[in-house]
Amino acid sequence: MQIDAAAKVFAELGNRTRLDILRLLIKSGPEGLPIGDIQRHLDIPLSTLAFHLRGLVEAELVDQEKQGRVVLCRPRLDRINDAIAFLKKECCSGIARTGARQRSVA
């Protein structure tokens, strides 16, 4: 994942409602949930839900599929895992200090 894509993903997740939506969809698994079920679980207005889902879809964190009159939302687990991997990529690899004074531990 490139840094601009990661920034988009994490910007979308910087909102509590979007984070709640994504966590709910992750709990539902790959089968996902209809928009109406998401709305009932989170008790938010449909217009608010639609706004936040649009951001998650644009960040490629959620896929939507129309099945007759129902819109099914599925978490993009591959994209979520890519974002997590981006954060962990250089975990504990070390970094050189840049001349800042070290604090003495007394």
PDB file of N, CA and C in Angstrom:
ATOM      1  N   MET A   1       0.857  -1.173   0.000  1.00  0.00           N
ATOM      2  CA  MET A   1       0.000   0.000   0.000  1.00  0.00           C
ATOM      3  C   MET A   1       0.902   1.235   0.000  1.00  0.00           C
ATOM      4  N   GLN A   2       0.586   2.156  -0.870  1.00  0.00           N
ATOM      5  CA  GLN A   2       1.334   3.408  -0.957  1.00  0.00           C
ATOM      6  C   GLN A   2       0.866   4.375   0.135  1.00  0.00           C
ATOM      7  N   ILE A   3       1.686   5.340   0.457  1.00  0.00           N
ATOM      8  CA  ILE A   3       1.387   6.252   1.565  1.00  0.00           C
ATOM      9  C   ILE A   3       0.120   7.072   1.335  1.00  0.00           C
ATOM     10  N   ASP A   4      -0.141   7.502   0.100  1.00  0.00           N
ATOM     11  CA  ASP A   4      -1.359   8.283  -0.163  1.00  0.00           C
ATOM     12  C   ASP A   4      -2.616   7.440   0.044  1.00  0.00           C
ATOM     13  N   ALA A   5      -2.564   6.177  -0.381  1.00  0.00           N
ATOM     14  CA  ALA A   5      -3.699   5.280  -0.177  1.00  0.00           C
ATOM     15  C   ALA A   5      -3.896   5.020   1.313  1.00  0.00           C
ATOM     16  N   ALA A   6      -2.806   4.823   2.035  1.00  0.00           N
ATOM     17  CA  ALA A   6      -2.891   4.601   3.480  1.00  0.00           C
ATOM     18  C   ALA A   6      -3.472   5.831   4.174  1.00  0.00           C
ATOM     19  N   ALA A   7      -3.049   7.013   3.756  1.00  0.00           N
ATOM     20  CA  ALA A   7      -3.575   8.250   4.350  1.00  0.00           C
ATOM     21  C   ALA A   7      -5.080   8.353   4.132  1.00  0.00           C
ATOM     22  N   LYS A   8      -5.559   7.986   2.957  1.00  0.00           N
ATOM     23  CA  LYS A   8      -6.999   8.003   2.657  1.00  0.00           C
ATOM     24  C   LYS A   8      -7.748   7.024   3.563  1.00  0.00           C
ATOM     25  N   VAL A   9      -7.219   5.815   3.699  1.00  0.00           N
ATOM     26  CA  VAL A   9      -7.851   4.804   4.541  1.00  0.00           C
ATOM     27  C   VAL A   9      -7.954   5.303   5.978  1.00  0.00           C
ATOM     28  N   PHE A  10      -6.846   5.786   6.516  1.00  0.00           N
ATOM     29  CA  PHE A  10      -6.846   6.185   7.919  1.00  0.00           C
ATOM     30  C   PHE A  10      -7.614   7.480   8.156  1.00  0.00           C
ATOM     31  N   ALA A  11      -7.703   8.333   7.145  1.00  0.00           N
ATOM     32  CA  ALA A  11      -8.540   9.532   7.265  1.00  0.00           C
ATOM     33  C   ALA A  11     -10.005   9.130   7.404  1.00  0.00           C
ATOM     34  N   GLU A  12     -10.438   8.160   6.612  1.00  0.00           N
ATOM     35  CA  GLU A  12     -11.825   7.694   6.699  1.00  0.00           C
ATOM     36  C   GLU A  12     -12.108   7.049   8.047  1.00  0.00           C
ATOM     37  N   LEU A  13     -11.124   6.380   8.604  1.00  0.00           N
ATOM     38  CA  LEU A  13     -11.320   5.703   9.885  1.00  0.00           C
ATOM     39  C   LEU A  13     -11.157   6.648  11.079  1.00  0.00           C
ATOM     40  N   GLY A  14     -10.837   7.899  10.806  1.00  0.00           N
ATOM     41  CA  GLY A  14     -10.687   8.886  11.863  1.00  0.00           C
ATOM     42  C   GLY A  14     -12.019   9.431  12.361  1.00  0.00           C
ATOM     43  N   ASN A  15     -13.103   8.888  11.886  1.00  0.00           N
ATOM     44  CA  ASN A  15     -14.437   9.299  12.291  1.00  0.00           C
ATOM     45  C   ASN A  15     -15.094   8.142  13.035  1.00  0.00           C
ATOM     46  N   ARG A  16     -15.654   8.419  14.204  1.00  0.00           N
ATOM     47  CA  ARG A  16     -16.215   7.354  15.035  1.00  0.00           C
ATOM     48  C   ARG A  16     -17.327   6.573  14.325  1.00  0.00           C
ATOM     49  N   THR A  17     -18.210   7.263  13.618  1.00  0.00           N
ATOM     50  CA  THR A  17     -19.309   6.570  12.945  1.00  0.00           C
ATOM     51  C   THR A  17     -18.776   5.612  11.887  1.00  0.00           C
ATOM     52  N   ARG A  18     -17.804   6.057  11.094  1.00  0.00           N
ATOM     53  CA  ARG A  18     -17.237   5.184  10.066  1.00  0.00           C
ATOM     54  C   ARG A  18     -16.522   4.002  10.698  1.00  0.00           C
ATOM     55  N   LEU A  19     -15.841   4.260  11.791  1.00  0.00           N
ATOM     56  CA  LEU A  19     -15.164   3.177  12.495  1.00  0.00           C
ATOM     57  C   LEU A  19     -16.187   2.174  13.050  1.00  0.00           C
ATOM     58  N   ASP A  20     -17.286   2.670  13.589  1.00  0.00           N
ATOM     59  CA  ASP A  20     -18.356   1.789  14.074  1.00  0.00           C
ATOM     60  C   ASP A  20     -18.937   0.945  12.941  1.00  0.00           C
ATOM     61  N   ILE A  21     -19.159   1.567  11.786  1.00  0.00           N
ATOM     62  CA  ILE A  21     -19.695   0.845  10.630  1.00  0.00           C
ATOM     63  C   ILE A  21     -18.734  -0.264  10.210  1.00  0.00           C
ATOM     64  N   LEU A  22     -17.464   0.073  10.079  1.00  0.00           N
ATOM     65  CA  LEU A  22     -16.494  -0.911   9.624  1.00  0.00           C
ATOM     66  C   LEU A  22     -16.339  -2.040  10.635  1.00  0.00           C
ATOM     67  N   ARG A  23     -16.315  -1.731  11.910  1.00  0.00           N
ATOM     68  CA  ARG A  23     -16.203  -2.776  12.941  1.00  0.00           C
ATOM     69  C   ARG A  23     -17.413  -3.709  12.883  1.00  0.00           C
ATOM     70  N   LEU A  24     -18.597  -3.154  12.678  1.00  0.00           N
ATOM     71  CA  LEU A  24     -19.799  -3.973  12.560  1.00  0.00           C
ATOM     72  C   LEU A  24     -19.710  -4.896  11.345  1.00  0.00           C
ATOM     73  N   LEU A  25     -19.258  -4.340  10.221  1.00  0.00           N
ATOM     74  CA  LEU A  25     -19.136  -5.155   9.006  1.00  0.00           C
ATOM     75  C   LEU A  25     -18.072  -6.240   9.162  1.00  0.00           C
ATOM     76  N   ILE A  26     -16.993  -5.932   9.861  1.00  0.00           N
ATOM     77  CA  ILE A  26     -15.970  -6.946  10.109  1.00  0.00           C
ATOM     78  C   ILE A  26     -16.560  -8.072  10.957  1.00  0.00           C
ATOM     79  N   LYS A  27     -17.373  -7.717  11.952  1.00  0.00           N
ATOM     80  CA  LYS A  27     -18.031  -8.748  12.772  1.00  0.00           C
ATOM     81  C   LYS A  27     -18.942  -9.624  11.927  1.00  0.00           C
ATOM     82  N   SER A  28     -19.579  -9.037  10.917  1.00  0.00           N
ATOM     83  CA  SER A  28     -20.504  -9.802  10.069  1.00  0.00           C
ATOM     84  C   SER A  28     -19.770 -10.778   9.162  1.00  0.00           C
ATOM     85  N   GLY A  29     -18.495 -10.528   8.926  1.00  0.00           N
ATOM     86  CA  GLY A  29     -17.703 -11.410   8.068  1.00  0.00           C
ATOM     87  C   GLY A  29     -17.894 -11.091   6.597  1.00  0.00           C
ATOM     88  N   PRO A  30     -17.381 -11.958   5.744  1.00  0.00           N
ATOM     89  CA  PRO A  30     -17.415 -11.709   4.299  1.00  0.00           C
ATOM     90  C   PRO A  30     -18.821 -11.615   3.712  1.00  0.00           C
ATOM     91  N   GLU A  31     -19.818 -12.151   4.423  1.00  0.00           N
ATOM     92  CA  GLU A  31     -21.190 -12.099   3.920  1.00  0.00           C
ATOM     93  C   GLU A  31     -21.743 -10.676   3.951  1.00  0.00           C
ATOM     94  N   GLY A  32     -21.256  -9.863   4.887  1.00  0.00           N
ATOM     95  CA  GLY A  32     -21.698  -8.481   4.988  1.00  0.00           C
ATOM     96  C   GLY A  32     -23.095  -8.346   5.555  1.00  0.00           C
ATOM     97  N   LEU A  33     -23.621  -7.137   5.452  1.00  0.00           N
ATOM     98  CA  LEU A  33     -24.948  -6.809   5.969  1.00  0.00           C
ATOM     99  C   LEU A  33     -25.672  -5.872   5.021  1.00  0.00           C
ATOM    100  N   PRO A  34     -26.990  -5.978   4.949  1.00  0.00           N
ATOM    101  CA  PRO A  34     -27.766  -4.982   4.206  1.00  0.00           C
ATOM    102  C   PRO A  34     -27.695  -3.628   4.929  1.00  0.00           C
ATOM    103  N   ILE A  35     -27.838  -2.566   4.167  1.00  0.00           N
ATOM    104  CA  ILE A  35     -27.790  -1.219   4.742  1.00  0.00           C
ATOM    105  C   ILE A  35     -28.807  -1.065   5.870  1.00  0.00           C
ATOM    106  N   GLY A  36     -30.002  -1.599   5.708  1.00  0.00           N
ATOM    107  CA  GLY A  36     -31.026  -1.490   6.743  1.00  0.00           C
ATOM    108  C   GLY A  36     -30.603  -2.127   8.055  1.00  0.00           C
ATOM    109  N   ASP A  37     -29.902  -3.253   7.986  1.00  0.00           N
ATOM    110  CA  ASP A  37     -29.411  -3.907   9.204  1.00  0.00           C
ATOM    111  C   ASP A  37     -28.334  -3.066   9.883  1.00  0.00           C
ATOM    112  N   ILE A  38     -27.452  -2.475   9.089  1.00  0.00           N
ATOM    113  CA  ILE A  38     -26.419  -1.604   9.661  1.00  0.00           C
ATOM    114  C   ILE A  38     -27.085  -0.450  10.397  1.00  0.00           C
ATOM    115  N   GLN A  39     -28.084   0.134   9.759  1.00  0.00           N
ATOM    116  CA  GLN A  39     -28.789   1.271  10.356  1.00  0.00           C
ATOM    117  C   GLN A  39     -29.449   0.868  11.668  1.00  0.00           C
ATOM    118  N   ARG A  40     -30.070  -0.287  11.711  1.00  0.00           N
ATOM    119  CA  ARG A  40     -30.733  -0.735  12.941  1.00  0.00           C
ATOM    120  C   ARG A  40     -29.732  -1.058  14.046  1.00  0.00           C
ATOM    121  N   HIS A  41     -28.625  -1.677  13.694  1.00  0.00           N
ATOM    122  CA  HIS A  41     -27.608  -2.002  14.700  1.00  0.00           C
ATOM    123  C   HIS A  41     -26.984  -0.757  15.307  1.00  0.00           C
ATOM    124  N   LEU A  42     -26.731   0.248  14.477  1.00  0.00           N
ATOM    125  CA  LEU A  42     -26.035   1.451  14.959  1.00  0.00           C
ATOM    126  C   LEU A  42     -26.978   2.582  15.337  1.00  0.00           C
ATOM    127  N   ASP A  43     -28.258   2.442  14.993  1.00  0.00           N
ATOM    128  CA  ASP A  43     -29.273   3.435  15.326  1.00  0.00           C
ATOM    129  C   ASP A  43     -28.869   4.846  14.870  1.00  0.00           C
ATOM    130  N   ILE A  44     -28.560   4.945  13.575  1.00  0.00           N
ATOM    131  CA  ILE A  44     -28.246   6.249  12.980  1.00  0.00           C
ATOM    132  C   ILE A  44     -29.172   6.464  11.791  1.00  0.00           C
ATOM    133  N   PRO A  45     -29.467   7.725  11.466  1.00  0.00           N
ATOM    134  CA  PRO A  45     -30.342   7.996  10.321  1.00  0.00           C
ATOM    135  C   PRO A  45     -29.747   7.447   9.019  1.00  0.00           C
ATOM    136  N   LEU A  46     -30.614   7.002   8.125  1.00  0.00           N
ATOM    137  CA  LEU A  46     -30.145   6.444   6.851  1.00  0.00           C
ATOM    138  C   LEU A  46     -29.335   7.443   6.036  1.00  0.00           C
ATOM    139  N   SER A  47     -29.689   8.718   6.093  1.00  0.00           N
ATOM    140  CA  SER A  47     -28.926   9.717   5.328  1.00  0.00           C
ATOM    141  C   SER A  47     -27.504   9.843   5.875  1.00  0.00           C
ATOM    142  N   THR A  48     -27.360   9.780   7.190  1.00  0.00           N
ATOM    143  CA  THR A  48     -26.036   9.825   7.815  1.00  0.00           C
ATOM    144  C   THR A  48     -25.241   8.580   7.451  1.00  0.00           C
ATOM    145  N   LEU A  49     -25.908   7.436   7.508  1.00  0.00           N
ATOM    146  CA  LEU A  49     -25.255   6.180   7.155  1.00  0.00           C
ATOM    147  C   LEU A  49     -24.778   6.207   5.712  1.00  0.00           C
ATOM    148  N   ALA A  50     -25.618   6.680   4.808  1.00  0.00           N
ATOM    149  CA  ALA A  50     -25.245   6.751   3.387  1.00  0.00           C
ATOM    150  C   ALA A  50     -24.009   7.626   3.187  1.00  0.00           C
ATOM    151  N   PHE A  51     -23.954   8.752   3.880  1.00  0.00           N
ATOM    152  CA  PHE A  51     -22.801   9.658   3.783  1.00  0.00           C
ATOM    153  C   PHE A  51     -21.527   8.935   4.209  1.00  0.00           C
ATOM    154  N   HIS A  52     -21.572   8.266   5.350  1.00  0.00           N
ATOM    155  CA  HIS A  52     -20.375   7.604   5.872  1.00  0.00           C
ATOM    156  C   HIS A  52     -19.994   6.367   5.052  1.00  0.00           C
ATOM    157  N   LEU A  53     -20.985   5.640   4.562  1.00  0.00           N
ATOM    158  CA  LEU A  53     -20.680   4.495   3.703  1.00  0.00           C
ATOM    159  C   LEU A  53     -19.984   4.936   2.418  1.00  0.00           C
ATOM    160  N   ARG A  54     -20.397   6.078   1.890  1.00  0.00           N
ATOM    161  CA  ARG A  54     -19.764   6.586   0.663  1.00  0.00           C
ATOM    162  C   ARG A  54     -18.259   6.775   0.873  1.00  0.00           C
ATOM    163  N   GLY A  55     -17.879   7.333   2.023  1.00  0.00           N
ATOM    164  CA  GLY A  55     -16.452   7.516   2.319  1.00  0.00           C
ATOM    165  C   GLY A  55     -15.722   6.190   2.439  1.00  0.00           C
ATOM    166  N   LEU A  56     -16.342   5.209   3.070  1.00  0.00           N
ATOM    167  CA  LEU A  56     -15.714   3.897   3.217  1.00  0.00           C
ATOM    168  C   LEU A  56     -15.589   3.183   1.874  1.00  0.00           C
ATOM    169  N   VAL A  57     -16.578   3.356   1.012  1.00  0.00           N
ATOM    170  CA  VAL A  57     -16.518   2.766  -0.328  1.00  0.00           C
ATOM    171  C   VAL A  57     -15.415   3.441  -1.147  1.00  0.00           C
ATOM    172  N   GLU A  58     -15.322   4.773  -1.074  1.00  0.00           N
ATOM    173  CA  GLU A  58     -14.288   5.497  -1.819  1.00  0.00           C
ATOM    174  C   GLU A  58     -12.885   5.118  -1.363  1.00  0.00           C
ATOM    175  N   ALA A  59     -12.726   4.796  -0.083  1.00  0.00           N
ATOM    176  CA  ALA A  59     -11.429   4.370   0.442  1.00  0.00           C
ATOM    177  C   ALA A  59     -11.197   2.878   0.209  1.00  0.00           C
ATOM    178  N   GLU A  60     -12.148   2.226  -0.464  1.00  0.00           N
ATOM    179  CA  GLU A  60     -12.085   0.811  -0.808  1.00  0.00           C
ATOM    180  C   GLU A  60     -12.041  -0.083   0.431  1.00  0.00           C
ATOM    181  N   LEU A  61     -12.671   0.365   1.513  1.00  0.00           N
ATOM    182  CA  LEU A  61     -12.765  -0.439   2.722  1.00  0.00           C
ATOM    183  C   LEU A  61     -14.051  -1.258   2.755  1.00  0.00           C
ATOM    184  N   VAL A  62     -15.033  -0.854   1.942  1.00  0.00           N
ATOM    185  CA  VAL A  62     -16.327  -1.524   1.883  1.00  0.00           C
ATOM    186  C   VAL A  62     -16.744  -1.658   0.423  1.00  0.00           C
ATOM    187  N   ASP A  63     -17.280  -2.823   0.094  1.00  0.00           N
ATOM    188  CA  ASP A  63     -17.891  -3.043  -1.220  1.00  0.00           C
ATOM    189  C   ASP A  63     -19.398  -3.057  -1.035  1.00  0.00           C
ATOM    190  N   GLN A  64     -20.113  -2.566  -2.038  1.00  0.00           N
ATOM    191  CA  GLN A  64     -21.564  -2.609  -2.017  1.00  0.00           C
ATOM    192  C   GLN A  64     -22.057  -3.358  -3.250  1.00  0.00           C
ATOM    193  N   GLU A  65     -23.099  -4.160  -3.028  1.00  0.00           N
ATOM    194  CA  GLU A  65     -23.700  -4.927  -4.116  1.00  0.00           C
ATOM    195  C   GLU A  65     -25.210  -4.844  -3.993  1.00  0.00           C
ATOM    196  N   LYS A  66     -25.846  -4.468  -5.073  1.00  0.00           N
ATOM    197  CA  LYS A  66     -27.303  -4.385  -5.088  1.00  0.00           C
ATOM    198  C   LYS A  66     -27.859  -5.768  -5.397  1.00  0.00           C
ATOM    199  N   GLN A  67     -28.739  -6.242  -4.522  1.00  0.00           N
ATOM    200  CA  GLN A  67     -29.400  -7.529  -4.706  1.00  0.00           C
ATOM    201  C   GLN A  67     -30.898  -7.270  -4.658  1.00  0.00           C
ATOM    202  N   GLY A  68     -31.480  -7.059  -5.816  1.00  0.00           N
ATOM    203  CA  GLY A  68     -32.887  -6.674  -5.884  1.00  0.00           C
ATOM    204  C   GLY A  68     -33.057  -5.284  -5.293  1.00  0.00           C
ATOM    205  N   ARG A  69     -33.858  -5.189  -4.243  1.00  0.00           N
ATOM    206  CA  ARG A  69     -34.091  -3.891  -3.598  1.00  0.00           C
ATOM    207  C   ARG A  69     -33.161  -3.645  -2.418  1.00  0.00           C
ATOM    208  N   VAL A  70     -32.283  -4.591  -2.141  1.00  0.00           N
ATOM    209  CA  VAL A  70     -31.397  -4.508  -0.981  1.00  0.00           C
ATOM    210  C   VAL A  70     -29.975  -4.192  -1.432  1.00  0.00           C
ATOM    211  N   VAL A  71     -29.309  -3.297  -0.696  1.00  0.00           N
ATOM    212  CA  VAL A  71     -27.895  -3.026  -0.945  1.00  0.00           C
ATOM    213  C   VAL A  71     -27.108  -3.696   0.171  1.00  0.00           C
ATOM    214  N   LEU A  72     -26.262  -4.633  -0.226  1.00  0.00           N
ATOM    215  CA  LEU A  72     -25.453  -5.392   0.711  1.00  0.00           C
ATOM    216  C   LEU A  72     -24.074  -4.747   0.811  1.00  0.00           C
ATOM    217  N   CYS A  73     -23.606  -4.559   2.027  1.00  0.00           N
ATOM    218  CA  CYS A  73     -22.283  -3.976   2.271  1.00  0.00           C
ATOM    219  C   CYS A  73     -21.370  -5.050   2.841  1.00  0.00           C
ATOM    220  N   ARG A  74     -20.197  -5.174   2.250  1.00  0.00           N
ATOM    221  CA  ARG A  74     -19.222  -6.169   2.696  1.00  0.00           C
ATOM    222  C   ARG A  74     -17.905  -5.478   3.034  1.00  0.00           C
ATOM    223  N   PRO A  75     -17.253  -5.936   4.112  1.00  0.00           N
ATOM    224  CA  PRO A  75     -15.944  -5.361   4.428  1.00  0.00           C
ATOM    225  C   PRO A  75     -14.908  -5.864   3.431  1.00  0.00           C
ATOM    226  N   ARG A  76     -14.009  -4.991   3.020  1.00  0.00           N
ATOM    227  CA  ARG A  76     -12.888  -5.385   2.152  1.00  0.00           C
ATOM    228  C   ARG A  76     -11.746  -5.814   3.056  1.00  0.00           C
ATOM    229  N   LEU A  77     -11.793  -7.052   3.501  1.00  0.00           N
ATOM    230  CA  LEU A  77     -10.809  -7.546   4.455  1.00  0.00           C
ATOM    231  C   LEU A  77      -9.395  -7.495   3.898  1.00  0.00           C
ATOM    232  N   ASP A  78      -9.243  -7.666   2.588  1.00  0.00           N
ATOM    233  CA  ASP A  78      -7.916  -7.567   1.974  1.00  0.00           C
ATOM    234  C   ASP A  78      -7.355  -6.162   2.131  1.00  0.00           C
ATOM    235  N   ARG A  79      -8.180  -5.165   1.907  1.00  0.00           N
ATOM    236  CA  ARG A  79      -7.746  -3.767   2.013  1.00  0.00           C
ATOM    237  C   ARG A  79      -7.452  -3.398   3.472  1.00  0.00           C
ATOM    238  N   ILE A  80      -8.278  -3.892   4.385  1.00  0.00           N
ATOM    239  CA  ILE A  80      -8.064  -3.646   5.807  1.00  0.00           C
ATOM    240  C   ILE A  80      -6.745  -4.276   6.242  1.00  0.00           C
ATOM    241  N   ASN A  81      -6.500  -5.499   5.810  1.00  0.00           N
ATOM    242  CA  ASN A  81      -5.242  -6.168   6.141  1.00  0.00           C
ATOM    243  C   ASN A  81      -4.043  -5.446   5.534  1.00  0.00           C
ATOM    244  N   ASP A  82      -4.199  -4.911   4.320  1.00  0.00           N
ATOM    245  CA  ASP A  82      -3.117  -4.128   3.704  1.00  0.00           C
ATOM    246  C   ASP A  82      -2.789  -2.899   4.534  1.00  0.00           C
ATOM    247  N   ALA A  83      -3.820  -2.240   5.064  1.00  0.00           N
ATOM    248  CA  ALA A  83      -3.602  -1.045   5.884  1.00  0.00           C
ATOM    249  C   ALA A  83      -2.876  -1.400   7.178  1.00  0.00           C
ATOM    250  N   ILE A  84      -3.266  -2.498   7.787  1.00  0.00           N
ATOM    251  CA  ILE A  84      -2.591  -2.950   9.010  1.00  0.00           C
ATOM    252  C   ILE A  84      -1.140  -3.304   8.701  1.00  0.00           C
ATOM    253  N   ALA A  85      -0.921  -4.007   7.607  1.00  0.00           N
ATOM    254  CA  ALA A  85       0.438  -4.382   7.205  1.00  0.00           C
ATOM    255  C   ALA A  85       1.284  -3.147   6.933  1.00  0.00           C
ATOM    256  N   PHE A  86       0.680  -2.109   6.347  1.00  0.00           N
ATOM    257  CA  PHE A  86       1.402  -0.862   6.097  1.00  0.00           C
ATOM    258  C   PHE A  86       1.951  -0.284   7.402  1.00  0.00           C
ATOM    259  N   LEU A  87       1.125  -0.291   8.446  1.00  0.00           N
ATOM    260  CA  LEU A  87       1.555   0.247   9.737  1.00  0.00           C
ATOM    261  C   LEU A  87       2.646  -0.604  10.372  1.00  0.00           C
ATOM    262  N   LYS A  88       2.559  -1.903  10.198  1.00  0.00           N
ATOM    263  CA  LYS A  88       3.486  -2.816  10.857  1.00  0.00           C
ATOM    264  C   LYS A  88       4.741  -3.109  10.039  1.00  0.00           C
ATOM    265  N   LYS A  89       4.796  -2.610   8.828  1.00  0.00           N
ATOM    266  CA  LYS A  89       5.849  -2.979   7.884  1.00  0.00           C
ATOM    267  C   LYS A  89       7.255  -2.866   8.464  1.00  0.00           C
ATOM    268  N   GLU A  90       7.528  -1.795   9.141  1.00  0.00           N
ATOM    269  CA  GLU A  90       8.880  -1.593   9.660  1.00  0.00           C
ATOM    270  C   GLU A  90       8.908  -1.602  11.183  1.00  0.00           C
ATOM    271  N   CYS A  91       7.988  -2.313  11.758  1.00  0.00           N
ATOM    272  CA  CYS A  91       7.883  -2.380  13.210  1.00  0.00           C
ATOM    273  C   CYS A  91       9.194  -2.864  13.828  1.00  0.00           C
ATOM    274  N   CYS A  92       9.663  -2.109  14.785  1.00  0.00           N
ATOM    275  CA  CYS A  92      10.822  -2.492  15.603  1.00  0.00           C
ATOM    276  C   CYS A  92      12.104  -2.631  14.799  1.00  0.00           C
ATOM    277  N   SER A  93      12.170  -2.003  13.619  1.00  0.00           N
ATOM    278  CA  SER A  93      13.380  -2.097  12.802  1.00  0.00           C
ATOM    279  C   SER A  93      14.443  -1.112  13.270  1.00  0.00           C
ATOM    280  N   GLY A  94      14.058  -0.234  14.172  1.00  0.00           N
ATOM    281  CA  GLY A  94      15.018   0.726  14.718  1.00  0.00           C
ATOM    282  C   GLY A  94      15.084   1.986  13.883  1.00  0.00           C
ATOM    283  N   ILE A  95      15.533   3.022  14.518  1.00  0.00           N
ATOM    284  CA  ILE A  95      15.712   4.307  13.845  1.00  0.00           C
ATOM    285  C   ILE A  95      16.813   5.060  14.570  1.00  0.00           C
ATOM    286  N   ALA A  96      17.671   5.690  13.817  1.00  0.00           N
ATOM    287  CA  ALA A  96      18.801   6.414  14.408  1.00  0.00           C
ATOM    288  C   ALA A  96      18.329   7.725  15.012  1.00  0.00           C
ATOM    289  N   ARG A  97      18.920   8.075  16.124  1.00  0.00           N
ATOM    290  CA  ARG A  97      18.619   9.371  16.725  1.00  0.00           C
ATOM    291  C   ARG A  97      19.279  10.449  15.880  1.00  0.00           C
ATOM    292  N   THR A  98      18.691  11.624  15.863  1.00  0.00           N
ATOM    293  CA  THR A  98      19.185  12.702  14.998  1.00  0.00           C
ATOM    294  C   THR A  98      19.798  13.840  15.793  1.00  0.00           C
ATOM    295  N   GLY A  99      20.601  13.512  16.760  1.00  0.00           N
ATOM    296  CA  GLY A  99      21.322  14.544  17.493  1.00  0.00           C
ATOM    297  C   GLY A  99      20.540  15.184  18.618  1.00  0.00           C
ATOM    298  N   ALA A 100      19.317  14.777  18.849  1.00  0.00           N
ATOM    299  CA  ALA A 100      18.552  15.341  19.958  1.00  0.00           C
ATOM    300  C   ALA A 100      19.184  14.874  21.267  1.00  0.00           C
ATOM    301  N   ARG A 101      19.139  15.743  22.241  1.00  0.00           N
ATOM    302  CA  ARG A 101      19.720  15.385  23.534  1.00  0.00           C
ATOM    303  C   ARG A 101      18.919  14.267  24.172  1.00  0.00           C
ATOM    304  N   GLN A 102      19.632  13.314  24.705  1.00  0.00           N
ATOM    305  CA  GLN A 102      18.968  12.247  25.435  1.00  0.00           C
ATOM    306  C   GLN A 102      18.678  12.721  26.842  1.00  0.00           C
ATOM    307  N   ARG A 103      17.555  12.352  27.346  1.00  0.00           N
ATOM    308  CA  ARG A 103      17.221  12.666  28.731  1.00  0.00           C
ATOM    309  C   ARG A 103      17.937  11.672  29.618  1.00  0.00           C
ATOM    310  N   SER A 104      18.477  12.169  30.679  1.00  0.00           N
ATOM    311  CA  SER A 104      19.109  11.257  31.626  1.00  0.00           C
ATOM    312  C   SER A 104      18.045  10.695  32.545  1.00  0.00           C
ATOM    313  N   VAL A 105      18.194   9.454  32.835  1.00  0.00           N
ATOM    314  CA  VAL A 105      17.243   8.779  33.722  1.00  0.00           C
ATOM    315  C   VAL A 105      17.872   8.777  35.102  1.00  0.00           C
ATOM    316  N   ALA A 106      17.225   9.445  36.043  1.00  0.00           N
ATOM    317  CA  ALA A 106      17.794   9.545  37.397  1.00  0.00           C
ATOM    318  C   ALA A 106      17.168   8.556  38.322  1.00  0.00           C
TER     319      ALA A 106
END
